[in-house]
């Protein structure tokens, strides 16, 4: 069976192996990029439901925001929500890469637009499974001392404590609150990431800038892919952050937004359309390296897995 350029080795790695490799690669990337996620979350919540220009700007740009977080919460504050972030990356990306590998094995990637469809479906399933972990991660990363508070403060003490509190107060469905914003966010991001990575990697190989089996090929492909991911994902990321962090009433309904569309409308109306690109700099500084590192780690781990398979046979 012919393989799509850039995906020449998909069939040689079983989907179950891709599950482990994809989750591991993204968890490794998360360790390096979580501080950027903390800053991005604070910037996206800043000015929420306040008249444009009338709120104090506690976070002003990437460098100043890093300093503000470190001063208020200490250096470890830049790794807030790391455990929840690792749980999310493991769950979401394990499912995502597993489903994408299954789709490629079934030949979907060889069809026109197949990588986009496979990436979107795999991303949607991964987002649904990982949604409770993302909910907790967002709420933990938003928590800070009173001088630099933005967004609602949930006062969680740990990942397990947060999950228990949400379960007790809102029931099972409360753990999936905000999933309506997360699924579109990951769908578009996953489709852009997996499709553009495959195409970019094939293009770099075609140009013969590096040796065909060099890790620099995957690095270059990840760098190109990261631009597409950030461009399509940031508006959904802003909305998703706000949906996950909003307070809820006794029935578990959001007090600020009814859902994805309501959040989009309110954010644009009160803060202007550019508010959907709040935290764009940190978003790229987080999503860019995360895309680059995760795709690089994934590609290199898959090479090791294939070599191991060849040696055993």
Protein backbone atom coordinates (compact mmCIF):
# COMPACT_ATOMS: atom_id res chain seq x y z
CA UNK A 1 0.00 0.00 0.00
CA UNK A 2 1.38 3.40 -0.92
CA UNK A 3 2.07 5.81 1.91
CA UNK A 4 1.44 9.53 2.06
CA UNK A 5 4.65 11.61 1.90
CA UNK A 6 5.85 12.36 5.39
CA UNK A 7 3.92 9.39 6.81
CA UNK A 8 6.11 6.69 5.35
CA UNK A 9 6.50 4.83 8.60
CA UNK A 10 3.02 4.96 10.11
CA UNK A 11 2.16 1.34 9.33
CA UNK A 12 5.34 -0.01 10.93
CA UNK A 13 4.34 1.22 14.40
CA UNK A 14 1.29 -0.45 15.99
CA UNK A 15 -1.40 1.95 17.24
CA UNK A 16 -0.91 0.74 20.85
CA UNK A 17 2.76 1.71 20.61
CA UNK A 18 1.82 5.09 19.13
CA UNK A 19 -0.47 5.61 22.13
CA UNK A 20 2.46 5.25 24.52
CA UNK A 21 4.92 7.15 22.34
CA UNK A 22 2.53 10.03 21.61
CA UNK A 23 1.62 10.44 25.28
CA UNK A 24 5.26 10.25 26.37
CA UNK A 25 6.42 12.76 23.76
CA UNK A 26 3.79 15.33 24.72
CA UNK A 27 4.40 14.88 28.45
CA UNK A 28 8.09 15.54 27.90
CA UNK A 29 7.22 18.69 25.96
CA UNK A 30 4.79 19.78 28.70
CA UNK A 31 7.55 19.89 31.33
CA UNK A 32 9.34 22.55 29.28
CA UNK A 33 6.30 24.55 28.15
CA UNK A 34 4.04 24.58 31.24
CA UNK A 35 5.39 27.96 32.52
CA UNK A 36 4.32 29.50 29.23
CA UNK A 37 0.89 27.92 29.67
CA UNK A 38 0.54 29.59 33.09
CA UNK A 39 1.34 33.02 31.63
CA UNK A 40 -0.96 32.45 28.65
CA UNK A 41 -3.86 31.47 30.94
CA UNK A 42 -3.47 34.62 33.05
CA UNK A 43 -3.36 36.85 29.97
CA UNK A 44 -6.45 35.22 28.49
CA UNK A 45 -8.46 35.73 31.68
CA UNK A 46 -7.35 39.33 32.17
CA UNK A 47 -10.19 41.79 31.56
CA UNK A 48 -12.86 39.10 31.52
CA UNK A 49 -16.35 40.67 31.45
CA UNK A 50 -15.02 44.13 32.21
CA UNK A 51 -15.48 47.16 30.00
CA UNK A 52 -12.67 47.50 27.51
CA UNK A 53 -9.82 49.61 28.83
CA UNK A 54 -11.22 50.02 32.39
CA UNK A 55 -9.55 47.06 34.06
CA UNK A 56 -6.07 47.12 35.61
CA UNK A 57 -3.59 45.36 33.34
CA UNK A 58 -1.70 43.23 35.81
CA UNK A 59 -0.01 41.26 33.05
CA UNK A 60 1.66 43.30 30.28
CA UNK A 61 3.41 41.19 27.69
CA UNK A 62 5.31 37.97 28.02
CA UNK A 63 8.46 38.98 29.93
CA UNK A 64 6.63 41.27 32.35
CA UNK A 65 4.02 38.57 32.95
CA UNK A 66 6.67 35.97 33.74
CA UNK A 67 8.21 38.38 36.26
CA UNK A 68 4.78 39.15 37.77
CA UNK A 69 3.98 35.46 38.27
CA UNK A 70 7.43 34.71 39.72
CA UNK A 71 7.23 37.64 42.14
CA UNK A 72 3.73 36.80 43.33
CA UNK A 73 3.87 33.01 43.41
CA UNK A 74 7.59 32.26 43.46
CA UNK A 75 9.53 30.49 40.73
CA UNK A 76 7.55 27.30 41.35
CA UNK A 77 4.44 29.32 40.54
CA UNK A 78 5.52 29.13 36.90
CA UNK A 79 4.92 25.37 37.10
CA UNK A 80 1.41 25.64 38.55
CA UNK A 81 -0.88 22.93 37.28
CA UNK A 82 2.03 20.80 36.02
CA UNK A 83 0.64 17.52 37.39
CA UNK A 84 -2.76 18.22 35.82
CA UNK A 85 -1.01 19.29 32.61
CA UNK A 86 0.91 16.01 32.44
CA UNK A 87 -2.29 14.06 33.10
CA UNK A 88 -4.04 15.99 30.33
CA UNK A 89 -1.22 15.53 27.85
CA UNK A 90 -1.00 11.81 28.57
CA UNK A 91 -4.73 11.19 28.24
CA UNK A 92 -5.48 13.52 25.35
CA UNK A 93 -2.46 12.75 23.21
CA UNK A 94 -2.43 9.03 23.97
CA UNK A 95 -5.96 8.80 22.57
CA UNK A 96 -5.20 11.26 19.76
CA UNK A 97 -2.10 9.50 18.41
CA UNK A 98 -3.69 6.07 18.86
CA UNK A 99 -6.76 7.05 16.82
CA UNK A 100 -4.63 8.83 14.21
CA UNK A 101 -2.44 5.74 13.85
CA UNK A 102 -5.53 3.56 13.44
CA UNK A 103 -6.84 5.89 10.73
CA UNK A 104 -3.51 5.76 8.89
CA UNK A 105 -3.43 1.97 9.11
CA UNK A 106 -6.92 1.88 7.63
CA UNK A 107 -5.69 3.93 4.67
CA UNK A 108 -7.54 7.17 5.49
CA UNK A 109 -4.34 9.22 5.36
CA UNK A 110 -3.85 8.21 1.73
CA UNK A 111 -7.15 9.78 0.68
CA UNK A 112 -7.40 13.47 -0.36
CA UNK A 113 -7.72 15.50 2.83
CA UNK A 114 -7.42 12.31 4.85
CA UNK A 115 -4.78 13.58 7.24
CA UNK A 116 -6.93 16.62 8.08
CA UNK A 117 -10.02 14.49 8.77
CA UNK A 118 -8.06 11.90 10.72
CA UNK A 119 -6.32 14.60 12.76
CA UNK A 120 -9.60 16.39 13.53
CA UNK A 121 -11.48 13.24 14.61
CA UNK A 122 -8.54 11.98 16.66
CA UNK A 123 -8.21 15.39 18.29
CA UNK A 124 -11.92 15.55 19.15
CA UNK A 125 -11.82 12.14 20.85
CA UNK A 126 -8.63 13.03 22.72
CA UNK A 127 -10.07 16.36 23.88
CA UNK A 128 -13.18 14.65 25.25
CA UNK A 129 -11.19 12.08 27.22
CA UNK A 130 -8.74 14.65 28.58
CA UNK A 131 -11.29 17.37 29.35
CA UNK A 132 -11.49 16.84 33.16
CA UNK A 133 -7.71 17.13 33.44
CA UNK A 134 -7.71 20.31 31.32
CA UNK A 135 -10.48 21.76 33.49
CA UNK A 136 -8.42 21.27 36.64
CA UNK A 137 -5.21 22.47 34.97
CA UNK A 138 -6.83 25.74 33.91
CA UNK A 139 -8.33 26.41 37.33
CA UNK A 140 -5.05 25.67 39.12
CA UNK A 141 -3.04 27.89 36.77
CA UNK A 142 -5.48 30.78 37.29
CA UNK A 143 -5.04 30.71 41.07
CA UNK A 144 -2.76 33.34 42.55
CA UNK A 145 -2.37 35.82 45.38
CA UNK A 146 -4.79 38.75 45.61
CA UNK A 147 -2.42 41.33 44.11
CA UNK A 148 -2.28 39.64 40.70
CA UNK A 149 -5.62 37.80 40.56
CA UNK A 150 -7.42 37.50 37.23
CA UNK A 151 -10.48 35.35 36.59
CA UNK A 152 -12.48 33.37 39.11
CA UNK A 153 -10.50 31.74 41.95
CA UNK A 154 -11.47 28.15 42.74
CA UNK A 155 -9.07 27.63 45.67
CA UNK A 156 -8.08 24.07 44.82
CA UNK A 157 -5.23 22.52 46.81
CA UNK A 158 -4.29 19.65 44.49
CA UNK A 159 -5.32 17.78 41.35
CA UNK A 160 -7.11 15.02 43.25
CA UNK A 161 -8.69 17.56 45.61
CA UNK A 162 -9.96 19.56 42.64
CA UNK A 163 -11.43 16.48 40.94
CA UNK A 164 -13.11 15.44 44.20
CA UNK A 165 -14.55 18.93 44.80
CA UNK A 166 -15.94 19.22 41.28
CA UNK A 167 -17.40 15.70 41.44
CA UNK A 168 -19.03 16.37 44.82
CA UNK A 169 -20.44 19.79 43.93
CA UNK A 170 -21.35 19.34 40.26
CA UNK A 171 -21.56 15.60 39.67
CA UNK A 172 -20.01 13.61 36.84
CA UNK A 173 -21.09 16.08 34.17
CA UNK A 174 -19.27 18.85 36.03
CA UNK A 175 -15.96 17.20 35.16
CA UNK A 176 -16.76 17.71 31.49
CA UNK A 177 -17.92 21.33 31.86
CA UNK A 178 -16.30 23.38 29.13
CA UNK A 179 -15.80 20.41 26.82
CA UNK A 180 -17.86 22.24 24.19
CA UNK A 181 -15.03 24.73 23.85
CA UNK A 182 -12.24 22.20 24.17
CA UNK A 183 -13.34 19.83 21.41
CA UNK A 184 -13.36 22.48 18.61
CA UNK A 185 -10.07 23.88 19.95
CA UNK A 186 -8.27 20.55 19.82
CA UNK A 187 -10.00 19.48 16.59
CA UNK A 188 -8.67 22.41 14.60
CA UNK A 189 -5.30 22.30 16.35
CA UNK A 190 -4.88 18.57 15.86
CA UNK A 191 -5.94 18.69 12.21
CA UNK A 192 -3.52 21.56 11.55
CA UNK A 193 -0.68 19.95 13.51
CA UNK A 194 -0.78 16.42 12.15
CA UNK A 195 -1.59 17.40 8.57
CA UNK A 196 0.96 20.21 8.29
CA UNK A 197 3.65 18.21 10.09
CA UNK A 198 3.32 15.38 7.57
CA UNK A 199 3.37 17.78 4.62
CA UNK A 200 6.15 19.98 6.02
CA UNK A 201 8.33 16.99 6.82
CA UNK A 202 7.87 15.65 3.28
CA UNK A 203 8.68 19.09 1.84
CA UNK A 204 11.88 19.38 3.91
CA UNK A 205 12.93 15.88 2.82
CA UNK A 206 12.25 16.80 -0.80
CA UNK A 207 14.49 19.88 -0.50
CA UNK A 208 17.26 17.61 0.87
CA UNK A 209 18.46 20.21 3.35
CA UNK A 210 19.24 17.45 5.85
CA UNK A 211 19.94 13.74 5.75
CA UNK A 212 16.66 11.86 5.25
CA UNK A 213 16.80 10.14 8.66
CA UNK A 214 18.10 13.19 10.55
CA UNK A 215 16.19 14.50 13.58
CA UNK A 216 16.52 17.95 11.98
CA UNK A 217 13.88 16.94 9.42
CA UNK A 218 11.30 16.42 12.17
CA UNK A 219 12.47 19.59 13.92
CA UNK A 220 11.96 21.69 10.77
CA UNK A 221 8.57 20.06 10.14
CA UNK A 222 7.49 20.83 13.70
CA UNK A 223 8.58 24.47 13.38
CA UNK A 224 6.49 24.94 10.23
CA UNK A 225 3.55 23.09 11.75
CA UNK A 226 3.61 25.25 14.90
CA UNK A 227 2.74 28.41 12.94
CA UNK A 228 -0.41 26.85 11.49
CA UNK A 229 -1.43 25.43 14.88
CA UNK A 230 -1.22 28.78 16.69
CA UNK A 231 -3.02 30.69 13.92
CA UNK A 232 -6.13 28.47 13.97
CA UNK A 233 -6.13 27.48 17.62
CA UNK A 234 -5.70 30.70 19.63
CA UNK A 235 -9.31 32.04 19.42
CA UNK A 236 -10.65 28.65 20.52
CA UNK A 237 -7.98 28.55 23.22
CA UNK A 238 -9.11 31.88 24.70
CA UNK A 239 -12.75 30.76 24.75
CA UNK A 240 -11.87 27.36 26.17
CA UNK A 241 -9.83 28.91 29.00
CA UNK A 242 -12.73 31.15 30.00
CA UNK A 243 -15.33 28.39 29.81
CA UNK A 244 -13.24 26.11 32.00
CA UNK A 245 -12.42 28.74 34.60
CA UNK A 246 -15.83 30.43 35.02
CA UNK A 247 -17.75 29.99 38.30
CA UNK A 248 -20.89 27.82 38.31
CA UNK A 249 -24.22 28.00 40.10
CA UNK A 250 -25.79 25.34 42.28
CA UNK A 251 -27.03 23.44 39.23
CA UNK A 252 -23.54 23.35 37.71
CA UNK A 253 -24.34 25.91 35.02
CA UNK A 254 -21.75 28.53 34.11
CA UNK A 255 -22.47 31.95 35.63
CA UNK A 256 -20.65 33.92 32.94
CA UNK A 257 -21.17 32.00 29.69
CA UNK A 258 -23.77 29.56 28.39
CA UNK A 259 -21.38 27.92 25.96
CA UNK A 260 -18.93 28.37 23.11
CA UNK A 261 -21.03 30.78 21.01
CA UNK A 262 -22.08 32.88 24.02
CA UNK A 263 -18.47 33.24 25.15
CA UNK A 264 -17.35 34.25 21.66
CA UNK A 265 -20.07 36.91 21.39
CA UNK A 266 -19.54 38.35 24.89
CA UNK A 267 -15.77 38.46 24.53
CA UNK A 268 -15.92 40.24 21.15
CA UNK A 269 -18.66 42.64 22.27
CA UNK A 270 -17.01 43.69 25.53
CA UNK A 271 -13.32 43.51 24.68
CA UNK A 272 -13.23 43.66 20.89
CA UNK A 273 -12.47 40.91 18.33
CA UNK A 274 -8.74 41.08 19.02
CA UNK A 275 -9.48 39.76 22.51
CA UNK A 276 -9.77 36.35 20.84
CA UNK A 277 -6.02 36.60 20.27
CA UNK A 278 -5.18 37.55 23.84
CA UNK A 279 -1.97 35.94 24.94
CA UNK A 280 -0.96 35.32 21.31
CA UNK A 281 2.72 35.88 22.05
CA UNK A 282 2.82 33.46 24.99
CA UNK A 283 0.44 31.19 23.08
CA UNK A 284 2.98 30.88 20.29
CA UNK A 285 5.87 30.68 22.73
CA UNK A 286 3.98 27.81 24.39
CA UNK A 287 2.25 26.11 21.45
CA UNK A 288 5.20 26.66 19.13
CA UNK A 289 7.83 24.90 21.27
CA UNK A 290 5.24 22.36 22.44
CA UNK A 291 4.37 21.46 18.84
CA UNK A 292 8.02 21.38 17.84
CA UNK A 293 9.14 19.32 20.84
CA UNK A 294 6.18 16.93 20.90
CA UNK A 295 6.39 16.17 17.17
CA UNK A 296 10.19 15.86 17.36
CA UNK A 297 10.02 13.53 20.39
CA UNK A 298 7.21 11.53 18.76
CA UNK A 299 9.13 11.13 15.52
CA UNK A 300 12.36 10.12 17.27
CA UNK A 301 10.60 7.69 19.63
CA UNK A 302 8.89 6.07 16.67
CA UNK A 303 12.25 5.62 14.96
CA UNK A 304 13.54 3.83 18.06
CA UNK A 305 10.41 1.65 18.13
CA UNK A 306 10.84 0.70 14.47
CA UNK A 307 14.50 -0.16 14.99
CA UNK A 308 13.59 -2.31 17.95
CA UNK A 309 10.95 -4.10 15.85
CA UNK A 310 13.44 -4.72 13.05
CA UNK A 311 16.04 -6.10 15.45
CA UNK A 312 13.52 -8.46 17.04
CA UNK A 313 12.50 -9.82 13.61
